[in-house]
Protein backbone atom coordinates (compact mmCIF):
# COMPACT_ATOMS: atom_id res chain seq x y z
CA MET A 1 95.66 104.91 95.89
CA PRO A 2 95.02 106.92 92.66
CA ALA A 3 97.85 105.10 90.82
CA ALA A 4 96.55 101.71 92.09
CA ILE A 5 93.08 102.41 90.97
CA THR A 6 94.26 103.65 87.57
CA ALA A 7 96.39 100.62 87.14
CA LEU A 8 93.33 98.19 88.11
CA MET A 9 90.83 100.13 85.91
CA GLY A 10 93.33 100.12 83.09
CA ALA A 11 93.63 96.32 83.12
CA VAL A 12 89.82 95.86 83.12
CA PRO A 13 88.14 95.62 79.73
CA GLN A 14 85.89 98.67 79.02
CA GLU A 15 82.72 96.56 79.12
CA GLN A 16 83.61 95.38 82.60
CA ALA A 17 84.59 98.76 84.14
CA GLY A 18 81.52 98.71 86.57
CA LEU A 19 82.60 95.28 87.73
CA GLY A 20 86.09 96.37 88.09
CA SER A 21 85.20 99.42 90.17
CA ALA A 22 82.91 97.36 92.44
CA LEU A 23 85.75 94.69 92.97
CA ASN A 24 88.07 97.59 93.90
CA ASP A 25 85.79 99.16 96.38
CA THR A 26 85.13 95.71 97.92
CA ILE A 27 88.70 94.87 98.47
CA GLN A 28 89.39 98.42 99.77
CA GLN A 29 86.65 97.95 102.34
CA MET A 30 87.68 94.42 103.22
CA GLY A 31 91.24 95.34 103.62
CA ALA A 32 90.45 98.22 105.80
CA ALA A 33 88.21 96.34 108.10
CA LEU A 34 90.53 93.21 108.39
CA GLY A 35 93.57 95.44 108.78
CA VAL A 36 91.92 97.33 111.64
CA ALA A 37 90.75 94.22 113.22
CA VAL A 38 93.92 92.24 112.88
CA LEU A 39 96.31 94.98 113.82
CA GLY A 40 94.19 96.23 116.72
CA SER A 41 94.00 92.71 118.14
CA VAL A 42 98.00 92.52 117.68
CA VAL A 43 98.34 95.90 119.54
CA SER A 44 95.82 95.20 122.32
CA SER A 45 97.24 91.78 123.07
CA GLY A 46 100.81 92.65 122.69
CA PHE A 47 100.25 95.58 125.11
CA ALA A 48 98.81 93.47 127.65
CA ASP A 49 101.46 90.70 127.43
CA ARG A 50 104.26 93.37 127.63
CA LEU A 51 102.87 95.01 130.91
CA PRO A 52 104.65 93.86 134.15
CA GLY A 53 102.78 91.10 136.17
CA THR A 54 102.26 93.62 138.86
CA ALA A 55 99.99 95.92 136.74
CA PRO A 56 96.39 95.93 138.13
CA GLY A 57 94.08 93.81 135.81
CA ALA A 58 91.71 96.71 134.97
CA ALA A 59 94.63 98.78 133.69
CA THR A 60 95.62 96.15 131.16
CA ARG A 61 92.81 97.19 128.65
CA SER A 62 94.42 100.15 127.27
CA ILE A 63 97.43 102.63 127.55
CA ALA A 64 94.86 105.36 128.68
CA ASP A 65 93.74 103.33 131.60
CA VAL A 66 97.27 102.49 132.73
CA LEU A 67 98.40 106.16 132.38
CA THR A 68 95.35 107.42 134.31
CA LEU A 69 95.91 104.87 137.04
CA ALA A 70 99.69 105.74 137.09
CA GLY A 71 98.75 109.43 137.38
CA THR A 72 96.29 108.86 140.05
CA THR A 73 98.72 106.76 142.24
CA GLY A 74 101.83 108.60 141.26
CA ASP A 75 103.46 105.36 140.03
CA ALA A 76 106.04 106.63 137.46
CA ASP A 77 107.38 103.06 136.92
CA LEU A 78 103.98 101.78 135.77
CA ALA A 79 103.57 104.73 133.46
CA SER A 80 107.05 104.01 131.88
CA ALA A 81 106.34 100.37 131.61
CA ALA A 82 103.09 101.13 129.88
CA ARG A 83 104.74 103.42 127.34
CA GLU A 84 107.40 100.79 126.64
CA ALA A 85 104.66 98.18 126.15
CA PHE A 86 102.63 100.16 123.91
CA THR A 87 105.59 101.26 121.80
CA GLY A 88 106.55 97.40 121.55
CA ALA A 89 103.06 96.45 120.63
CA MET A 90 102.98 99.16 117.99
CA SER A 91 106.27 98.01 116.65
CA THR A 92 105.07 94.59 116.24
CA SER A 93 101.89 95.57 114.52
CA PHE A 94 103.96 97.74 112.01
CA VAL A 95 106.30 94.80 111.22
CA ILE A 96 103.16 92.64 110.57
CA ALA A 97 101.70 95.37 108.40
CA VAL A 98 104.90 95.67 106.43
CA ALA A 99 104.93 91.80 105.99
CA GLY A 100 101.29 92.01 104.56
CA VAL A 101 102.08 94.71 102.18
CA LEU A 102 105.10 92.85 100.78
CA VAL A 103 103.05 89.73 100.49
CA ALA A 104 100.36 91.66 98.72
CA ALA A 105 102.81 93.45 96.38
CA LEU A 106 104.36 89.96 95.48
CA VAL A 107 100.93 88.56 94.73
CA ALA A 108 100.01 91.61 92.71
CA PHE A 109 103.28 91.38 90.67
CA LEU A 110 102.79 87.76 89.96
CA LEU A 111 99.25 87.98 88.99
CA MET A 112 99.38 91.36 87.20
CA ARG A 113 102.53 90.68 84.95
CA ASP A 114 102.14 90.42 81.32
CA THR A 115 102.38 86.91 80.32
CA ARG A 116 101.80 87.46 76.64
CA SER A 117 104.81 86.43 74.65
CA SER A 118 106.26 89.12 72.48
CA THR A 119 107.22 87.37 69.24
CA PRO A 120 108.38 89.65 66.44
């Protein structure tokens, strides 16, 4: 983050440094909130979708619920299925996060490149 902030603030004219800093903070806050919401939703829905149809409905809310239920009932197959479902859901969210980072990097590259011509 320090390198990104330095690059951003170095591209902003001195008289608009306050605006640049505020914009940076706003973008960070929005990115964190939306990232948690979107990736959390992906993990939650992916986890529930990957559980076997025989899993009790109350146990599909979280891996902790499933593991607690599996521990109480001694159902090792349910615990294993829950771990696999969680791992699969997390993997999907990581792929989506990587895609988002690559798109953001491409947009930043296209918007921040120096378009001034260097004529001798």
